[in-house]
PDB file of all heavy atoms in Angstrom:
ATOM      1  N   VAL A   1      61.600  59.815 126.926  1.00  0.00           N
ATOM      2  CA  VAL A   1      62.773  59.235 127.638  1.00  0.00           C
ATOM      3  C   VAL A   1      63.012  57.815 127.119  1.00  0.00           C
ATOM      4  O   VAL A   1      62.145  56.955 127.255  1.00  0.00           O
ATOM      5  CB  VAL A   1      62.505  59.201 129.153  1.00  0.00           C
ATOM      6  CG1 VAL A   1      63.699  58.564 129.856  1.00  0.00           C
ATOM      7  CG2 VAL A   1      62.243  60.590 129.698  1.00  0.00           C
ATOM      8  N   GLU A   2      64.199  57.648 126.560  1.00  0.00           N
ATOM      9  CA  GLU A   2      64.592  56.348 126.022  1.00  0.00           C
ATOM     10  C   GLU A   2      65.247  55.497 127.126  1.00  0.00           C
ATOM     11  O   GLU A   2      65.861  56.035 128.087  1.00  0.00           O
ATOM     12  CB  GLU A   2      65.586  56.477 124.873  1.00  0.00           C
ATOM     13  CG  GLU A   2      65.073  57.262 123.660  1.00  0.00           C
ATOM     14  CD  GLU A   2      65.476  58.714 123.742  1.00  0.00           C
ATOM     15  OE1 GLU A   2      65.722  59.231 124.856  1.00  0.00           O
ATOM     16  OE2 GLU A   2      65.549  59.365 122.689  1.00  0.00           O
ATOM     17  N   SER A   3      65.159  54.180 126.976  1.00  0.00           N
ATOM     18  CA  SER A   3      65.839  53.266 127.851  1.00  0.00           C
ATOM     19  C   SER A   3      66.094  51.951 127.139  1.00  0.00           C
ATOM     20  O   SER A   3      65.523  51.720 126.060  1.00  0.00           O
ATOM     21  CB  SER A   3      64.996  53.010 129.102  1.00  0.00           C
ATOM     22  OG  SER A   3      63.770  52.448 128.792  1.00  0.00           O
ATOM     23  N   GLY A   4      66.952  51.114 127.750  1.00  0.00           N
ATOM     24  CA  GLY A   4      67.141  49.788 127.215  1.00  0.00           C
ATOM     25  C   GLY A   4      68.399  49.594 126.368  1.00  0.00           C
ATOM     26  O   GLY A   4      68.625  48.467 125.918  1.00  0.00           O
ATOM     27  N   GLY A   5      69.153  50.628 126.170  1.00  0.00           N
ATOM     28  CA  GLY A   5      70.373  50.485 125.440  1.00  0.00           C
ATOM     29  C   GLY A   5      71.376  49.649 126.184  1.00  0.00           C
ATOM     30  O   GLY A   5      71.190  49.347 127.359  1.00  0.00           O
ATOM     31  N   GLY A   6      72.455  49.287 125.542  1.00  0.00           N
ATOM     32  CA  GLY A   6      73.504  48.517 126.202  1.00  0.00           C
ATOM     33  C   GLY A   6      74.446  47.916 125.186  1.00  0.00           C
ATOM     34  O   GLY A   6      74.511  48.314 124.027  1.00  0.00           O
ATOM     35  N   LEU A   7      75.258  46.966 125.669  1.00  0.00           N
ATOM     36  CA  LEU A   7      76.275  46.292 124.897  1.00  0.00           C
ATOM     37  C   LEU A   7      75.771  44.906 124.527  1.00  0.00           C
ATOM     38  O   LEU A   7      75.288  44.162 125.415  1.00  0.00           O
ATOM     39  CB  LEU A   7      77.565  46.195 125.684  1.00  0.00           C
ATOM     40  CG  LEU A   7      78.729  45.387 125.042  1.00  0.00           C
ATOM     41  CD1 LEU A   7      79.202  46.055 123.803  1.00  0.00           C
ATOM     42  CD2 LEU A   7      79.874  45.243 126.075  1.00  0.00           C
ATOM     43  N   VAL A   8      75.877  44.537 123.253  1.00  0.00           N
ATOM     44  CA  VAL A   8      75.422  43.251 122.810  1.00  0.00           C
ATOM     45  C   VAL A   8      76.376  42.738 121.739  1.00  0.00           C
ATOM     46  O   VAL A   8      76.976  43.553 121.001  1.00  0.00           O
ATOM     47  CB  VAL A   8      73.965  43.334 122.249  1.00  0.00           C
ATOM     48  CG1 VAL A   8      73.879  44.279 121.080  1.00  0.00           C
ATOM     49  CG2 VAL A   8      73.398  41.949 121.942  1.00  0.00           C
ATOM     50  N   GLN A   9      76.505  41.425 121.650  1.00  0.00           N
ATOM     51  CA  GLN A   9      77.365  40.853 120.630  1.00  0.00           C
ATOM     52  C   GLN A   9      76.705  40.850 119.296  1.00  0.00           C
ATOM     53  O   GLN A   9      75.468  40.804 119.203  1.00  0.00           O
ATOM     54  CB  GLN A   9      77.753  39.449 121.040  1.00  0.00           C
ATOM     55  CG  GLN A   9      78.751  39.374 122.191  1.00  0.00           C
ATOM     56  CD  GLN A   9      79.283  37.958 122.425  1.00  0.00           C
ATOM     57  OE1 GLN A   9      78.620  36.999 122.064  1.00  0.00           O
ATOM     58  NE2 GLN A   9      80.508  37.857 122.941  1.00  0.00           N
ATOM     59  N   ALA A  10      77.493  40.852 118.236  1.00  0.00           N
ATOM     60  CA  ALA A  10      76.936  40.790 116.882  1.00  0.00           C
ATOM     61  C   ALA A  10      76.106  39.528 116.768  1.00  0.00           C
ATOM     62  O   ALA A  10      76.479  38.467 117.275  1.00  0.00           O
ATOM     63  CB  ALA A  10      78.091  40.773 115.874  1.00  0.00           C
ATOM     64  N   GLY A  11      74.941  39.669 116.097  1.00  0.00           N
ATOM     65  CA  GLY A  11      74.049  38.567 115.953  1.00  0.00           C
ATOM     66  C   GLY A  11      72.992  38.530 117.039  1.00  0.00           C
ATOM     67  O   GLY A  11      72.011  37.774 116.960  1.00  0.00           O
ATOM     68  N   GLY A  12      73.189  39.294 118.080  1.00  0.00           N
ATOM     69  CA  GLY A  12      72.280  39.314 119.217  1.00  0.00           C
ATOM     70  C   GLY A  12      71.102  40.228 119.012  1.00  0.00           C
ATOM     71  O   GLY A  12      70.888  40.793 117.962  1.00  0.00           O
ATOM     72  N   SER A  13      70.301  40.344 120.075  1.00  0.00           N
ATOM     73  CA  SER A  13      69.065  41.128 120.050  1.00  0.00           C
ATOM     74  C   SER A  13      69.035  42.091 121.217  1.00  0.00           C
ATOM     75  O   SER A  13      69.658  41.823 122.260  1.00  0.00           O
ATOM     76  CB  SER A  13      67.831  40.220 120.093  1.00  0.00           C
ATOM     77  OG  SER A  13      67.800  39.356 119.000  1.00  0.00           O
ATOM     78  N   LEU A  14      68.287  43.151 121.027  1.00  0.00           N
ATOM     79  CA  LEU A  14      68.131  44.147 122.075  1.00  0.00           C
ATOM     80  C   LEU A  14      66.809  44.910 121.800  1.00  0.00           C
ATOM     81  O   LEU A  14      66.465  45.114 120.644  1.00  0.00           O
ATOM     82  CB  LEU A  14      69.297  45.143 122.061  1.00  0.00           C
ATOM     83  CG  LEU A  14      69.500  46.046 123.266  1.00  0.00           C
ATOM     84  CD1 LEU A  14      69.894  45.218 124.485  1.00  0.00           C
ATOM     85  CD2 LEU A  14      70.638  47.059 122.962  1.00  0.00           C
ATOM     86  N   ARG A  15      66.133  45.285 122.822  1.00  0.00           N
ATOM     87  CA  ARG A  15      64.930  46.133 122.662  1.00  0.00           C
ATOM     88  C   ARG A  15      65.125  47.431 123.415  1.00  0.00           C
ATOM     89  O   ARG A  15      65.409  47.408 124.606  1.00  0.00           O
ATOM     90  CB  ARG A  15      63.687  45.428 123.210  1.00  0.00           C
ATOM     91  CG  ARG A  15      62.407  46.186 122.874  1.00  0.00           C
ATOM     92  CD  ARG A  15      61.161  45.445 123.357  1.00  0.00           C
ATOM     93  NE  ARG A  15      60.952  45.646 124.811  1.00  0.00           N
ATOM     94  CZ  ARG A  15      59.808  45.407 125.372  1.00  0.00           C
ATOM     95  NH1 ARG A  15      58.765  44.952 124.685  1.00  0.00           N
ATOM     96  NH2 ARG A  15      59.676  45.605 126.709  1.00  0.00           N
ATOM     97  N   VAL A  16      64.947  48.506 122.719  1.00  0.00           N
ATOM     98  CA  VAL A  16      64.964  49.822 123.321  1.00  0.00           C
ATOM     99  C   VAL A  16      63.520  50.340 123.404  1.00  0.00           C
ATOM    100  O   VAL A  16      62.662  50.041 122.557  1.00  0.00           O
ATOM    101  CB  VAL A  16      65.900  50.801 122.616  1.00  0.00           C
ATOM    102  CG1 VAL A  16      67.334  50.405 122.770  1.00  0.00           C
ATOM    103  CG2 VAL A  16      65.546  50.933 121.152  1.00  0.00           C
ATOM    104  N   SER A  17      63.302  51.137 124.422  1.00  0.00           N
ATOM    105  CA  SER A  17      61.957  51.708 124.662  1.00  0.00           C
ATOM    106  C   SER A  17      62.000  53.200 124.777  1.00  0.00           C
ATOM    107  O   SER A  17      63.036  53.781 125.078  1.00  0.00           O
ATOM    108  CB  SER A  17      61.388  51.133 125.994  1.00  0.00           C
ATOM    109  OG  SER A  17      61.376  49.744 126.004  1.00  0.00           O
ATOM    110  N   CYS A  18      60.865  53.841 124.562  1.00  0.00           N
ATOM    111  CA  CYS A  18      60.750  55.298 124.708  1.00  0.00           C
ATOM    112  C   CYS A  18      59.403  55.548 125.344  1.00  0.00           C
ATOM    113  O   CYS A  18      58.347  55.255 124.790  1.00  0.00           O
ATOM    114  CB  CYS A  18      60.827  55.913 123.316  1.00  0.00           C
ATOM    115  SG  CYS A  18      60.494  57.700 123.316  1.00  0.00           S
ATOM    116  N   ALA A  19      59.481  56.120 126.574  1.00  0.00           N
ATOM    117  CA  ALA A  19      58.285  56.464 127.313  1.00  0.00           C
ATOM    118  C   ALA A  19      57.980  57.938 127.097  1.00  0.00           C
ATOM    119  O   ALA A  19      58.870  58.796 127.173  1.00  0.00           O
ATOM    120  CB  ALA A  19      58.511  56.173 128.772  1.00  0.00           C
ATOM    121  N   ALA A  20      56.725  58.242 126.887  1.00  0.00           N
ATOM    122  CA  ALA A  20      56.267  59.606 126.625  1.00  0.00           C
ATOM    123  C   ALA A  20      55.401  60.095 127.759  1.00  0.00           C
ATOM    124  O   ALA A  20      54.661  59.334 128.369  1.00  0.00           O
ATOM    125  CB  ALA A  20      55.503  59.685 125.296  1.00  0.00           C
ATOM    126  N   SER A  21      55.468  61.379 127.971  1.00  0.00           N
ATOM    127  CA  SER A  21      54.590  62.001 128.948  1.00  0.00           C
ATOM    128  C   SER A  21      54.258  63.386 128.506  1.00  0.00           C
ATOM    129  O   SER A  21      54.965  63.991 127.665  1.00  0.00           O
ATOM    130  CB  SER A  21      55.249  62.024 130.328  1.00  0.00           C
ATOM    131  OG  SER A  21      56.446  62.788 130.310  1.00  0.00           O
ATOM    132  N   GLY A  22      53.217  63.920 129.013  1.00  0.00           N
ATOM    133  CA  GLY A  22      52.848  65.311 128.782  1.00  0.00           C
ATOM    134  C   GLY A  22      51.584  65.569 128.023  1.00  0.00           C
ATOM    135  O   GLY A  22      50.835  66.479 128.327  1.00  0.00           O
ATOM    136  N   ARG A  23      51.304  64.800 126.988  1.00  0.00           N
ATOM    137  CA  ARG A  23      50.094  64.996 126.203  1.00  0.00           C
ATOM    138  C   ARG A  23      49.582  63.616 125.773  1.00  0.00           C
ATOM    139  O   ARG A  23      50.177  62.583 126.050  1.00  0.00           O
ATOM    140  CB  ARG A  23      50.384  65.817 124.954  1.00  0.00           C
ATOM    141  CG  ARG A  23      50.731  67.300 125.235  1.00  0.00           C
ATOM    142  CD  ARG A  23      49.496  68.064 125.712  1.00  0.00           C
ATOM    143  NE  ARG A  23      49.796  69.422 126.096  1.00  0.00           N
ATOM    144  CZ  ARG A  23      49.661  70.437 125.327  1.00  0.00           C
ATOM    145  NH1 ARG A  23      49.211  70.265 124.055  1.00  0.00           N
ATOM    146  NH2 ARG A  23      49.914  71.716 125.683  1.00  0.00           N
ATOM    147  N   THR A  24      48.443  63.588 125.108  1.00  0.00           N
ATOM    148  CA  THR A  24      47.857  62.350 124.647  1.00  0.00           C
ATOM    149  C   THR A  24      48.775  61.708 123.653  1.00  0.00           C
ATOM    150  O   THR A  24      49.013  62.172 122.536  1.00  0.00           O
ATOM    151  CB  THR A  24      46.461  62.640 123.999  1.00  0.00           C
ATOM    152  OG1 THR A  24      45.631  63.291 124.960  1.00  0.00           O
ATOM    153  CG2 THR A  24      45.852  61.306 123.565  1.00  0.00           C
ATOM    154  N   PHE A  25      49.286  60.531 124.060  1.00  0.00           N
ATOM    155  CA  PHE A  25      50.340  59.879 123.273  1.00  0.00           C
ATOM    156  C   PHE A  25      49.840  59.518 121.858  1.00  0.00           C
ATOM    157  O   PHE A  25      50.627  59.609 120.912  1.00  0.00           O
ATOM    158  CB  PHE A  25      50.805  58.628 124.001  1.00  0.00           C
ATOM    159  CG  PHE A  25      51.927  57.903 123.351  1.00  0.00           C
ATOM    160  CD1 PHE A  25      53.135  58.539 123.147  1.00  0.00           C
ATOM    161  CD2 PHE A  25      51.776  56.598 122.966  1.00  0.00           C
ATOM    162  CE1 PHE A  25      54.210  57.885 122.535  1.00  0.00           C
ATOM    163  CE2 PHE A  25      52.859  55.912 122.377  1.00  0.00           C
ATOM    164  CZ  PHE A  25      54.043  56.571 122.150  1.00  0.00           C
ATOM    165  N   SER A  26      48.610  59.128 121.740  1.00  0.00           N
ATOM    166  CA  SER A  26      48.112  58.697 120.416  1.00  0.00           C
ATOM    167  C   SER A  26      47.966  59.879 119.427  1.00  0.00           C
ATOM    168  O   SER A  26      47.643  59.650 118.291  1.00  0.00           O
ATOM    169  CB  SER A  26      46.794  57.997 120.564  1.00  0.00           C
ATOM    170  OG  SER A  26      45.811  58.816 121.146  1.00  0.00           O
ATOM    171  N   ASN A  27      48.241  61.102 119.912  1.00  0.00           N
ATOM    172  CA  ASN A  27      48.247  62.224 118.969  1.00  0.00           C
ATOM    173  C   ASN A  27      49.481  62.263 118.104  1.00  0.00           C
ATOM    174  O   ASN A  27      49.499  63.043 117.134  1.00  0.00           O
ATOM    175  CB  ASN A  27      48.167  63.545 119.787  1.00  0.00           C
ATOM    176  CG  ASN A  27      46.832  63.803 120.366  1.00  0.00           C
ATOM    177  OD1 ASN A  27      45.874  63.087 120.120  1.00  0.00           O
ATOM    178  ND2 ASN A  27      46.754  64.832 121.208  1.00  0.00           N
ATOM    179  N   TYR A  28      50.462  61.416 118.431  1.00  0.00           N
ATOM    180  CA  TYR A  28      51.795  61.614 117.830  1.00  0.00           C
ATOM    181  C   TYR A  28      52.238  60.380 117.023  1.00  0.00           C
ATOM    182  O   TYR A  28      52.312  59.259 117.556  1.00  0.00           O
ATOM    183  CB  TYR A  28      52.830  61.869 118.880  1.00  0.00           C
ATOM    184  CG  TYR A  28      52.533  63.098 119.720  1.00  0.00           C
ATOM    185  CD1 TYR A  28      51.870  62.973 120.920  1.00  0.00           C
ATOM    186  CD2 TYR A  28      52.966  64.355 119.275  1.00  0.00           C
ATOM    187  CE1 TYR A  28      51.611  64.140 121.664  1.00  0.00           C
ATOM    188  CE2 TYR A  28      52.690  65.490 120.042  1.00  0.00           C
ATOM    189  CZ  TYR A  28      51.986  65.391 121.221  1.00  0.00           C
ATOM    190  OH  TYR A  28      51.736  66.491 121.956  1.00  0.00           O
ATOM    191  N   ALA A  29      52.563  60.612 115.743  1.00  0.00           N
ATOM    192  CA  ALA A  29      53.364  59.613 115.041  1.00  0.00           C
ATOM    193  C   ALA A  29      54.778  59.663 115.576  1.00  0.00           C
ATOM    194  O   ALA A  29      55.285  60.748 115.955  1.00  0.00           O
ATOM    195  CB  ALA A  29      53.364  59.929 113.530  1.00  0.00           C
ATOM    196  N   MET A  30      55.427  58.520 115.650  1.00  0.00           N
ATOM    197  CA  MET A  30      56.701  58.452 116.359  1.00  0.00           C
ATOM    198  C   MET A  30      57.776  57.831 115.463  1.00  0.00           C
ATOM    199  O   MET A  30      57.515  57.092 114.502  1.00  0.00           O
ATOM    200  CB  MET A  30      56.539  57.544 117.608  1.00  0.00           C
ATOM    201  CG  MET A  30      55.517  58.042 118.616  1.00  0.00           C
ATOM    202  SD  MET A  30      55.992  59.557 119.450  1.00  0.00           S
ATOM    203  CE  MET A  30      57.429  58.982 120.339  1.00  0.00           C
ATOM    204  N   GLY A  31      59.017  58.120 115.835  1.00  0.00           N
ATOM    205  CA  GLY A  31      60.104  57.571 115.071  1.00  0.00           C
ATOM    206  C   GLY A  31      61.303  57.258 115.917  1.00  0.00           C
ATOM    207  O   GLY A  31      61.438  57.741 117.048  1.00  0.00           O
ATOM    208  N   TRP A  32      62.180  56.399 115.377  1.00  0.00           N
ATOM    209  CA  TRP A  32      63.490  56.146 115.960  1.00  0.00           C
ATOM    210  C   TRP A  32      64.561  56.629 114.988  1.00  0.00           C
ATOM    211  O   TRP A  32      64.475  56.347 113.784  1.00  0.00           O
ATOM    212  CB  TRP A  32      63.680  54.649 116.222  1.00  0.00           C
ATOM    213  CG  TRP A  32      62.973  54.148 117.427  1.00  0.00           C
ATOM    214  CD1 TRP A  32      61.754  53.458 117.448  1.00  0.00           C
ATOM    215  CD2 TRP A  32      63.375  54.199 118.817  1.00  0.00           C
ATOM    216  NE1 TRP A  32      61.443  53.121 118.743  1.00  0.00           N
ATOM    217  CE2 TRP A  32      62.416  53.583 119.569  1.00  0.00           C
ATOM    218  CE3 TRP A  32      64.492  54.797 119.409  1.00  0.00           C
ATOM    219  CZ2 TRP A  32      62.493  53.490 120.957  1.00  0.00           C
ATOM    220  CZ3 TRP A  32      64.601  54.689 120.798  1.00  0.00           C
ATOM    221  CH2 TRP A  32      63.582  54.049 121.587  1.00  0.00           C
ATOM    222  N   PHE A  33      65.565  57.269 115.548  1.00  0.00           N
ATOM    223  CA  PHE A  33      66.720  57.720 114.750  1.00  0.00           C
ATOM    224  C   PHE A  33      67.943  57.155 115.449  1.00  0.00           C
ATOM    225  O   PHE A  33      67.883  56.745 116.640  1.00  0.00           O
ATOM    226  CB  PHE A  33      66.799  59.225 114.724  1.00  0.00           C
ATOM    227  CG  PHE A  33      65.800  59.869 113.807  1.00  0.00           C
ATOM    228  CD1 PHE A  33      64.456  59.994 114.148  1.00  0.00           C
ATOM    229  CD2 PHE A  33      66.213  60.404 112.595  1.00  0.00           C
ATOM    230  CE1 PHE A  33      63.534  60.541 113.316  1.00  0.00           C
ATOM    231  CE2 PHE A  33      65.290  60.988 111.745  1.00  0.00           C
ATOM    232  CZ  PHE A  33      63.965  61.067 112.098  1.00  0.00           C
ATOM    233  N   ARG A  34      69.063  57.204 114.754  1.00  0.00           N
ATOM    234  CA  ARG A  34      70.344  56.856 115.389  1.00  0.00           C
ATOM    235  C   ARG A  34      71.437  57.762 114.836  1.00  0.00           C
ATOM    236  O   ARG A  34      71.340  58.263 113.746  1.00  0.00           O
ATOM    237  CB  ARG A  34      70.697  55.389 115.170  1.00  0.00           C
ATOM    238  CG  ARG A  34      70.951  55.007 113.722  1.00  0.00           C
ATOM    239  CD  ARG A  34      71.104  53.495 113.625  1.00  0.00           C
ATOM    240  NE  ARG A  34      71.332  53.056 112.216  1.00  0.00           N
ATOM    241  CZ  ARG A  34      71.345  51.791 111.849  1.00  0.00           C
ATOM    242  NH1 ARG A  34      71.175  50.806 112.738  1.00  0.00           N
ATOM    243  NH2 ARG A  34      71.553  51.487 110.574  1.00  0.00           N
ATOM    244  N   GLN A  35      72.449  57.934 115.665  1.00  0.00           N
ATOM    245  CA  GLN A  35      73.585  58.747 115.264  1.00  0.00           C
ATOM    246  C   GLN A  35      74.885  58.071 115.785  1.00  0.00           C
ATOM    247  O   GLN A  35      75.042  57.890 116.997  1.00  0.00           O
ATOM    248  CB  GLN A  35      73.457  60.143 115.818  1.00  0.00           C
ATOM    249  CG  GLN A  35      74.561  61.086 115.264  1.00  0.00           C
ATOM    250  CD  GLN A  35      74.198  62.539 115.548  1.00  0.00           C
ATOM    251  OE1 GLN A  35      73.426  62.895 116.424  1.00  0.00           O
ATOM    252  NE2 GLN A  35      74.820  63.437 114.768  1.00  0.00           N
TER     253      GLN A  35
END
């Protein structure tokens, strides 16, 4: 589940997060994509 998106001005900063559940999290290499 991702969170933290929003509207920001050019030059600004933002942090998005992704919370995982269900299995041992350290079992998984992770990635971010965009579309």
